[in-house]
């Protein structure tokens, strides 16, 4: 059972048939009877409900890649931002654009770690929130500020998505290199473009560099 539409419902347990009240037993000789009929018991059960966020764009990256900063730069969302890993502990949803015909939603999930596909670092709890996204945005720290190699980060993200759900690996995606304002990013961008064999959009969530172009690219892909 999957509820995906506004107002959609599903009956899990049915209530029991109600009994007749004392008014149903009233007669000319007993106008206020003091007894009633008991109803039948209803169904009972225990259920586990799993929330999966519904957004058009899923923002995926390793800890401290700048996902929350990018969400704040793209939208009016105000996620918690701090210079340490795992600042984001719950998915955040941001709305990009004001005109309804150009508006789209972005889901920022907490940073993934190696082994997330197998549940490490609560990977399953986080990855389920991007299962319904039309497009994935793979955010890479182009400057390698955490001592990581952007090419390795890209390959790790692709691997985790593929091993969690092959359908996610086939989903349309953009590669976005964040922190392009830092000098260290320049040399690494070329290697990232070669490794991904895709256009890599260079942006800076901090300065706003490349953000308008990223929004335009997302709108173009999402256009019906």
C-alpha atoms as a PDB file:
ATOM      1  CA  UNK A   1       0.000   0.000   0.000  1.00  0.00           C
ATOM      2  CA  UNK A   2       1.393   3.370  -1.024  1.00  0.00           C
ATOM      3  CA  UNK A   3      -0.375   6.691  -0.459  1.00  0.00           C
ATOM      4  CA  UNK A   4       0.972   9.237  -2.931  1.00  0.00           C
ATOM      5  CA  UNK A   5      -1.929  11.600  -3.691  1.00  0.00           C
ATOM      6  CA  UNK A   6      -3.354  14.414  -1.519  1.00  0.00           C
ATOM      7  CA  UNK A   7      -6.432  13.226   0.367  1.00  0.00           C
ATOM      8  CA  UNK A   8      -5.860   9.566  -0.524  1.00  0.00           C
ATOM      9  CA  UNK A   9      -7.097   7.129   2.133  1.00  0.00           C
ATOM     10  CA  UNK A  10      -6.938   3.417   2.882  1.00  0.00           C
ATOM     11  CA  UNK A  11      -8.925   1.468   5.470  1.00  0.00           C
ATOM     12  CA  UNK A  12      -6.661  -0.490   7.807  1.00  0.00           C
ATOM     13  CA  UNK A  13      -9.276  -1.534  10.390  1.00  0.00           C
ATOM     14  CA  UNK A  14     -13.040  -1.408  10.194  1.00  0.00           C
ATOM     15  CA  UNK A  15     -15.124  -0.379  13.153  1.00  0.00           C
ATOM     16  CA  UNK A  16     -17.671  -2.784  14.589  1.00  0.00           C
ATOM     17  CA  UNK A  17     -21.342  -2.563  13.785  1.00  0.00           C
ATOM     18  CA  UNK A  18     -23.055  -0.315  16.305  1.00  0.00           C
ATOM     19  CA  UNK A  19     -25.723  -1.598  18.661  1.00  0.00           C
ATOM     20  CA  UNK A  20     -29.225  -0.187  18.941  1.00  0.00           C
ATOM     21  CA  UNK A  21     -29.734   2.553  21.496  1.00  0.00           C
ATOM     22  CA  UNK A  22     -32.512   2.697  24.067  1.00  0.00           C
ATOM     23  CA  UNK A  23     -34.660   4.921  21.827  1.00  0.00           C
ATOM     24  CA  UNK A  24     -35.024   2.034  19.378  1.00  0.00           C
ATOM     25  CA  UNK A  25     -36.781  -0.004  22.078  1.00  0.00           C
ATOM     26  CA  UNK A  26     -39.308   2.665  23.049  1.00  0.00           C
ATOM     27  CA  UNK A  27     -42.983   1.726  22.868  1.00  0.00           C
ATOM     28  CA  UNK A  28     -46.325   3.101  23.900  1.00  0.00           C
ATOM     29  CA  UNK A  29     -46.051   1.363  27.248  1.00  0.00           C
ATOM     30  CA  UNK A  30     -42.314   2.005  27.771  1.00  0.00           C
ATOM     31  CA  UNK A  31     -41.420   5.379  26.387  1.00  0.00           C
ATOM     32  CA  UNK A  32     -37.997   5.615  28.076  1.00  0.00           C
ATOM     33  CA  UNK A  33     -36.481   2.143  28.210  1.00  0.00           C
ATOM     34  CA  UNK A  34     -33.350   1.770  30.314  1.00  0.00           C
ATOM     35  CA  UNK A  35     -31.556  -0.800  28.239  1.00  0.00           C
ATOM     36  CA  UNK A  36     -29.731  -0.856  24.901  1.00  0.00           C
ATOM     37  CA  UNK A  37     -28.055  -3.348  22.599  1.00  0.00           C
ATOM     38  CA  UNK A  38     -24.278  -3.691  22.654  1.00  0.00           C
ATOM     39  CA  UNK A  39     -22.442  -3.223  19.372  1.00  0.00           C
ATOM     40  CA  UNK A  40     -19.998  -5.632  17.775  1.00  0.00           C
ATOM     41  CA  UNK A  41     -16.267  -5.144  18.370  1.00  0.00           C
ATOM     42  CA  UNK A  42     -14.213  -3.497  15.655  1.00  0.00           C
ATOM     43  CA  UNK A  43     -11.039  -4.769  14.041  1.00  0.00           C
ATOM     44  CA  UNK A  44      -7.671  -4.109  15.658  1.00  0.00           C
ATOM     45  CA  UNK A  45      -4.125  -4.268  14.382  1.00  0.00           C
ATOM     46  CA  UNK A  46      -0.605  -2.934  14.691  1.00  0.00           C
ATOM     47  CA  UNK A  47       0.902  -1.127  11.729  1.00  0.00           C
ATOM     48  CA  UNK A  48       4.216   0.478  10.861  1.00  0.00           C
ATOM     49  CA  UNK A  49       3.892   3.613   8.737  1.00  0.00           C
ATOM     50  CA  UNK A  50       6.917   4.772   6.762  1.00  0.00           C
ATOM     51  CA  UNK A  51       7.153   8.372   5.594  1.00  0.00           C
ATOM     52  CA  UNK A  52       8.775   8.976   2.205  1.00  0.00           C
ATOM     53  CA  UNK A  53       9.196  12.613   1.302  1.00  0.00           C
ATOM     54  CA  UNK A  54       7.778  13.641  -2.043  1.00  0.00           C
ATOM     55  CA  UNK A  55       9.972  16.158  -3.876  1.00  0.00           C
ATOM     56  CA  UNK A  56      10.918  16.611  -7.510  1.00  0.00           C
ATOM     57  CA  UNK A  57      14.659  16.983  -6.920  1.00  0.00           C
ATOM     58  CA  UNK A  58      16.703  14.898  -4.485  1.00  0.00           C
ATOM     59  CA  UNK A  59      19.877  16.475  -3.121  1.00  0.00           C
ATOM     60  CA  UNK A  60      22.489  13.788  -2.427  1.00  0.00           C
ATOM     61  CA  UNK A  61      26.023  14.154  -1.133  1.00  0.00           C
ATOM     62  CA  UNK A  62      28.550  13.194   1.491  1.00  0.00           C
ATOM     63  CA  UNK A  63      28.696  14.976   4.877  1.00  0.00           C
ATOM     64  CA  UNK A  64      29.868  18.585   4.652  1.00  0.00           C
ATOM     65  CA  UNK A  65      29.487  18.793   0.872  1.00  0.00           C
ATOM     66  CA  UNK A  66      27.309  21.857   1.426  1.00  0.00           C
ATOM     67  CA  UNK A  67      23.849  20.391   0.775  1.00  0.00           C
ATOM     68  CA  UNK A  68      22.062  22.489   3.381  1.00  0.00           C
ATOM     69  CA  UNK A  69      23.858  25.626   2.202  1.00  0.00           C
ATOM     70  CA  UNK A  70      22.815  24.861  -1.368  1.00  0.00           C
ATOM     71  CA  UNK A  71      19.198  24.267  -0.339  1.00  0.00           C
ATOM     72  CA  UNK A  72      19.218  27.648   1.415  1.00  0.00           C
ATOM     73  CA  UNK A  73      20.721  29.278  -1.702  1.00  0.00           C
ATOM     74  CA  UNK A  74      18.117  27.693  -3.978  1.00  0.00           C
ATOM     75  CA  UNK A  75      15.032  28.266  -1.855  1.00  0.00           C
ATOM     76  CA  UNK A  76      13.613  30.045   1.162  1.00  0.00           C
ATOM     77  CA  UNK A  77      14.235  26.998   3.351  1.00  0.00           C
ATOM     78  CA  UNK A  78      16.346  27.618   6.442  1.00  0.00           C
ATOM     79  CA  UNK A  79      18.039  24.316   7.297  1.00  0.00           C
ATOM     80  CA  UNK A  80      20.604  24.180  10.068  1.00  0.00           C
ATOM     81  CA  UNK A  81      24.041  25.015   8.658  1.00  0.00           C
ATOM     82  CA  UNK A  82      27.302  24.460  10.536  1.00  0.00           C
ATOM     83  CA  UNK A  83      30.916  23.633   9.583  1.00  0.00           C
ATOM     84  CA  UNK A  84      30.860  20.061  10.871  1.00  0.00           C
ATOM     85  CA  UNK A  85      29.556  16.752   9.472  1.00  0.00           C
ATOM     86  CA  UNK A  86      26.023  15.464  10.079  1.00  0.00           C
ATOM     87  CA  UNK A  87      24.530  18.876  10.798  1.00  0.00           C
ATOM     88  CA  UNK A  88      21.446  17.693   8.902  1.00  0.00           C
ATOM     89  CA  UNK A  89      19.721  14.930  10.861  1.00  0.00           C
ATOM     90  CA  UNK A  90      16.297  15.003   9.183  1.00  0.00           C
ATOM     91  CA  UNK A  91      15.304  15.581   5.545  1.00  0.00           C
ATOM     92  CA  UNK A  92      14.473  19.184   4.638  1.00  0.00           C
ATOM     93  CA  UNK A  93      12.209  20.304   1.793  1.00  0.00           C
ATOM     94  CA  UNK A  94      12.680  23.608  -0.022  1.00  0.00           C
ATOM     95  CA  UNK A  95      10.486  25.245  -2.668  1.00  0.00           C
ATOM     96  CA  UNK A  96      12.332  26.916  -5.544  1.00  0.00           C
ATOM     97  CA  UNK A  97      10.593  29.755  -7.380  1.00  0.00           C
ATOM     98  CA  UNK A  98       7.499  31.814  -6.686  1.00  0.00           C
ATOM     99  CA  UNK A  99       5.426  31.487  -9.865  1.00  0.00           C
ATOM    100  CA  UNK A 100       3.400  28.280  -9.666  1.00  0.00           C
ATOM    101  CA  UNK A 101       4.204  27.188 -13.223  1.00  0.00           C
ATOM    102  CA  UNK A 102       7.970  27.389 -12.556  1.00  0.00           C
ATOM    103  CA  UNK A 103       7.971  26.132  -8.975  1.00  0.00           C
ATOM    104  CA  UNK A 104       9.630  22.885  -7.925  1.00  0.00           C
ATOM    105  CA  UNK A 105      10.639  21.203  -4.673  1.00  0.00           C
ATOM    106  CA  UNK A 106      14.045  20.002  -3.490  1.00  0.00           C
ATOM    107  CA  UNK A 107      14.655  17.420  -0.753  1.00  0.00           C
ATOM    108  CA  UNK A 108      17.920  17.626   1.200  1.00  0.00           C
ATOM    109  CA  UNK A 109      18.720  14.354   2.947  1.00  0.00           C
ATOM    110  CA  UNK A 110      21.434  13.902   5.588  1.00  0.00           C
ATOM    111  CA  UNK A 111      24.919  13.135   4.306  1.00  0.00           C
ATOM    112  CA  UNK A 112      25.596   9.617   3.098  1.00  0.00           C
ATOM    113  CA  UNK A 113      28.544   7.528   4.204  1.00  0.00           C
ATOM    114  CA  UNK A 114      30.143   4.490   2.625  1.00  0.00           C
ATOM    115  CA  UNK A 115      27.857   1.532   3.265  1.00  0.00           C
ATOM    116  CA  UNK A 116      24.696   3.663   3.356  1.00  0.00           C
ATOM    117  CA  UNK A 117      22.998   1.235   0.936  1.00  0.00           C
ATOM    118  CA  UNK A 118      23.302  -1.460   3.637  1.00  0.00           C
ATOM    119  CA  UNK A 119      21.908   0.812   6.346  1.00  0.00           C
ATOM    120  CA  UNK A 120      25.186   2.202   7.702  1.00  0.00           C
ATOM    121  CA  UNK A 121      24.793   5.692   9.114  1.00  0.00           C
ATOM    122  CA  UNK A 122      20.990   5.283   8.942  1.00  0.00           C
ATOM    123  CA  UNK A 123      21.368   5.107   5.170  1.00  0.00           C
ATOM    124  CA  UNK A 124      18.041   3.337   4.607  1.00  0.00           C
ATOM    125  CA  UNK A 125      16.211   5.942   6.682  1.00  0.00           C
ATOM    126  CA  UNK A 126      17.650   8.702   4.500  1.00  0.00           C
ATOM    127  CA  UNK A 127      17.701   7.153   1.024  1.00  0.00           C
ATOM    128  CA  UNK A 128      14.004   6.312   1.068  1.00  0.00           C
ATOM    129  CA  UNK A 129      13.253  10.042   0.929  1.00  0.00           C
ATOM    130  CA  UNK A 130      14.647  10.341  -2.606  1.00  0.00           C
ATOM    131  CA  UNK A 131      12.970   7.247  -4.072  1.00  0.00           C
ATOM    132  CA  UNK A 132      10.209   9.327  -5.686  1.00  0.00           C
ATOM    133  CA  UNK A 133      12.356  12.203  -6.928  1.00  0.00           C
ATOM    134  CA  UNK A 134      12.266  12.817 -10.685  1.00  0.00           C
ATOM    135  CA  UNK A 135      15.902  13.901 -10.766  1.00  0.00           C
ATOM    136  CA  UNK A 136      18.855  13.523  -8.419  1.00  0.00           C
ATOM    137  CA  UNK A 137      21.406  16.239  -7.798  1.00  0.00           C
ATOM    138  CA  UNK A 138      24.763  14.755  -6.815  1.00  0.00           C
ATOM    139  CA  UNK A 139      26.593  17.433  -4.858  1.00  0.00           C
ATOM    140  CA  UNK A 140      30.378  17.142  -4.715  1.00  0.00           C
ATOM    141  CA  UNK A 141      32.809  19.179  -2.612  1.00  0.00           C
ATOM    142  CA  UNK A 142      34.984  20.334  -5.522  1.00  0.00           C
ATOM    143  CA  UNK A 143      37.627  21.813  -3.231  1.00  0.00           C
ATOM    144  CA  UNK A 144      38.128  18.628  -1.223  1.00  0.00           C
ATOM    145  CA  UNK A 145      37.942  20.592   2.014  1.00  0.00           C
ATOM    146  CA  UNK A 146      37.446  17.416   4.069  1.00  0.00           C
ATOM    147  CA  UNK A 147      40.568  15.834   2.590  1.00  0.00           C
ATOM    148  CA  UNK A 148      38.517  13.798   0.130  1.00  0.00           C
ATOM    149  CA  UNK A 149      38.983  13.435  -3.616  1.00  0.00           C
ATOM    150  CA  UNK A 150      35.954  14.764  -5.574  1.00  0.00           C
ATOM    151  CA  UNK A 151      36.293  11.933  -8.111  1.00  0.00           C
ATOM    152  CA  UNK A 152      36.200   9.327  -5.328  1.00  0.00           C
ATOM    153  CA  UNK A 153      33.177  11.086  -3.818  1.00  0.00           C
ATOM    154  CA  UNK A 154      31.331  10.959  -7.143  1.00  0.00           C
ATOM    155  CA  UNK A 155      32.054   7.260  -7.607  1.00  0.00           C
ATOM    156  CA  UNK A 156      31.021   6.494  -4.035  1.00  0.00           C
ATOM    157  CA  UNK A 157      27.670   8.262  -4.438  1.00  0.00           C
ATOM    158  CA  UNK A 158      26.930   6.421  -7.670  1.00  0.00           C
ATOM    159  CA  UNK A 159      27.864   3.111  -6.030  1.00  0.00           C
ATOM    160  CA  UNK A 160      25.671   3.689  -2.970  1.00  0.00           C
ATOM    161  CA  UNK A 161      22.658   4.620  -5.100  1.00  0.00           C
ATOM    162  CA  UNK A 162      23.154   1.623  -7.396  1.00  0.00           C
ATOM    163  CA  UNK A 163      23.484  -0.868  -4.563  1.00  0.00           C
ATOM    164  CA  UNK A 164      20.547   0.569  -2.614  1.00  0.00           C
ATOM    165  CA  UNK A 165      18.216   0.482  -5.616  1.00  0.00           C
ATOM    166  CA  UNK A 166      19.330  -0.004  -9.242  1.00  0.00           C
ATOM    167  CA  UNK A 167      16.368   2.129 -10.342  1.00  0.00           C
ATOM    168  CA  UNK A 168      17.866   5.106  -8.494  1.00  0.00           C
ATOM    169  CA  UNK A 169      21.132   4.684 -10.394  1.00  0.00           C
ATOM    170  CA  UNK A 170      19.166   4.933 -13.653  1.00  0.00           C
ATOM    171  CA  UNK A 171      17.341   8.078 -12.545  1.00  0.00           C
ATOM    172  CA  UNK A 172      18.290  11.294 -14.402  1.00  0.00           C
ATOM    173  CA  UNK A 173      20.923  13.176 -12.421  1.00  0.00           C
ATOM    174  CA  UNK A 174      23.054  16.302 -12.442  1.00  0.00           C
ATOM    175  CA  UNK A 175      26.579  16.513 -11.099  1.00  0.00           C
ATOM    176  CA  UNK A 176      27.081  19.758  -9.202  1.00  0.00           C
ATOM    177  CA  UNK A 177      30.479  20.836  -7.898  1.00  0.00           C
ATOM    178  CA  UNK A 178      30.065  23.060  -4.849  1.00  0.00           C
ATOM    179  CA  UNK A 179      32.646  25.415  -3.292  1.00  0.00           C
ATOM    180  CA  UNK A 180      33.762  26.569  -6.750  1.00  0.00           C
ATOM    181  CA  UNK A 181      34.799  29.877  -5.178  1.00  0.00           C
ATOM    182  CA  UNK A 182      37.775  28.183  -3.510  1.00  0.00           C
ATOM    183  CA  UNK A 183      41.054  28.094  -5.502  1.00  0.00           C
ATOM    184  CA  UNK A 184      41.543  24.382  -4.770  1.00  0.00           C
ATOM    185  CA  UNK A 185      38.471  23.521  -6.851  1.00  0.00           C
ATOM    186  CA  UNK A 186      39.843  24.635 -10.218  1.00  0.00           C
ATOM    187  CA  UNK A 187      42.230  21.732 -10.845  1.00  0.00           C
ATOM    188  CA  UNK A 188      39.831  19.153  -9.409  1.00  0.00           C
ATOM    189  CA  UNK A 189      36.919  20.206 -11.633  1.00  0.00           C
ATOM    190  CA  UNK A 190      38.634  18.960 -14.784  1.00  0.00           C
ATOM    191  CA  UNK A 191      39.269  15.534 -13.245  1.00  0.00           C
ATOM    192  CA  UNK A 192      35.663  15.337 -12.040  1.00  0.00           C
ATOM    193  CA  UNK A 193      34.326  16.136 -15.508  1.00  0.00           C
ATOM    194  CA  UNK A 194      36.515  13.432 -17.044  1.00  0.00           C
ATOM    195  CA  UNK A 195      35.504  10.820 -14.471  1.00  0.00           C
ATOM    196  CA  UNK A 196      31.759  11.500 -14.637  1.00  0.00           C
ATOM    197  CA  UNK A 197      31.641  11.962 -18.425  1.00  0.00           C
ATOM    198  CA  UNK A 198      28.890  14.457 -17.795  1.00  0.00           C
ATOM    199  CA  UNK A 199      28.546  18.180 -17.706  1.00  0.00           C
ATOM    200  CA  UNK A 200      29.523  19.305 -14.217  1.00  0.00           C
ATOM    201  CA  UNK A 201      27.871  22.490 -13.003  1.00  0.00           C
ATOM    202  CA  UNK A 202      30.240  24.526 -10.852  1.00  0.00           C
ATOM    203  CA  UNK A 203      28.494  26.523  -8.124  1.00  0.00           C
ATOM    204  CA  UNK A 204      29.176  28.206  -4.827  1.00  0.00           C
ATOM    205  CA  UNK A 205      26.371  28.028  -2.305  1.00  0.00           C
ATOM    206  CA  UNK A 206      28.291  30.607  -0.276  1.00  0.00           C
ATOM    207  CA  UNK A 207      28.660  33.317  -2.942  1.00  0.00           C
ATOM    208  CA  UNK A 208      25.750  32.411  -5.233  1.00  0.00           C
ATOM    209  CA  UNK A 209      28.027  31.684  -8.181  1.00  0.00           C
ATOM    210  CA  UNK A 210      26.327  29.372 -10.685  1.00  0.00           C
ATOM    211  CA  UNK A 211      23.027  29.178  -8.764  1.00  0.00           C
ATOM    212  CA  UNK A 212      20.847  30.833 -11.470  1.00  0.00           C
ATOM    213  CA  UNK A 213      22.272  28.460 -14.089  1.00  0.00           C
ATOM    214  CA  UNK A 214      21.598  25.449 -11.865  1.00  0.00           C
ATOM    215  CA  UNK A 215      17.977  26.519 -11.362  1.00  0.00           C
ATOM    216  CA  UNK A 216      17.557  26.939 -15.122  1.00  0.00           C
ATOM    217  CA  UNK A 217      19.001  23.468 -15.772  1.00  0.00           C
ATOM    218  CA  UNK A 218      16.659  21.872 -13.238  1.00  0.00           C
ATOM    219  CA  UNK A 219      13.623  23.654 -14.682  1.00  0.00           C
ATOM    220  CA  UNK A 220      14.572  22.513 -18.175  1.00  0.00           C
ATOM    221  CA  UNK A 221      14.815  18.874 -17.087  1.00  0.00           C
ATOM    222  CA  UNK A 222      11.590  19.009 -15.069  1.00  0.00           C
ATOM    223  CA  UNK A 223       9.592  20.735 -17.803  1.00  0.00           C
ATOM    224  CA  UNK A 224       6.718  18.515 -19.017  1.00  0.00           C
END
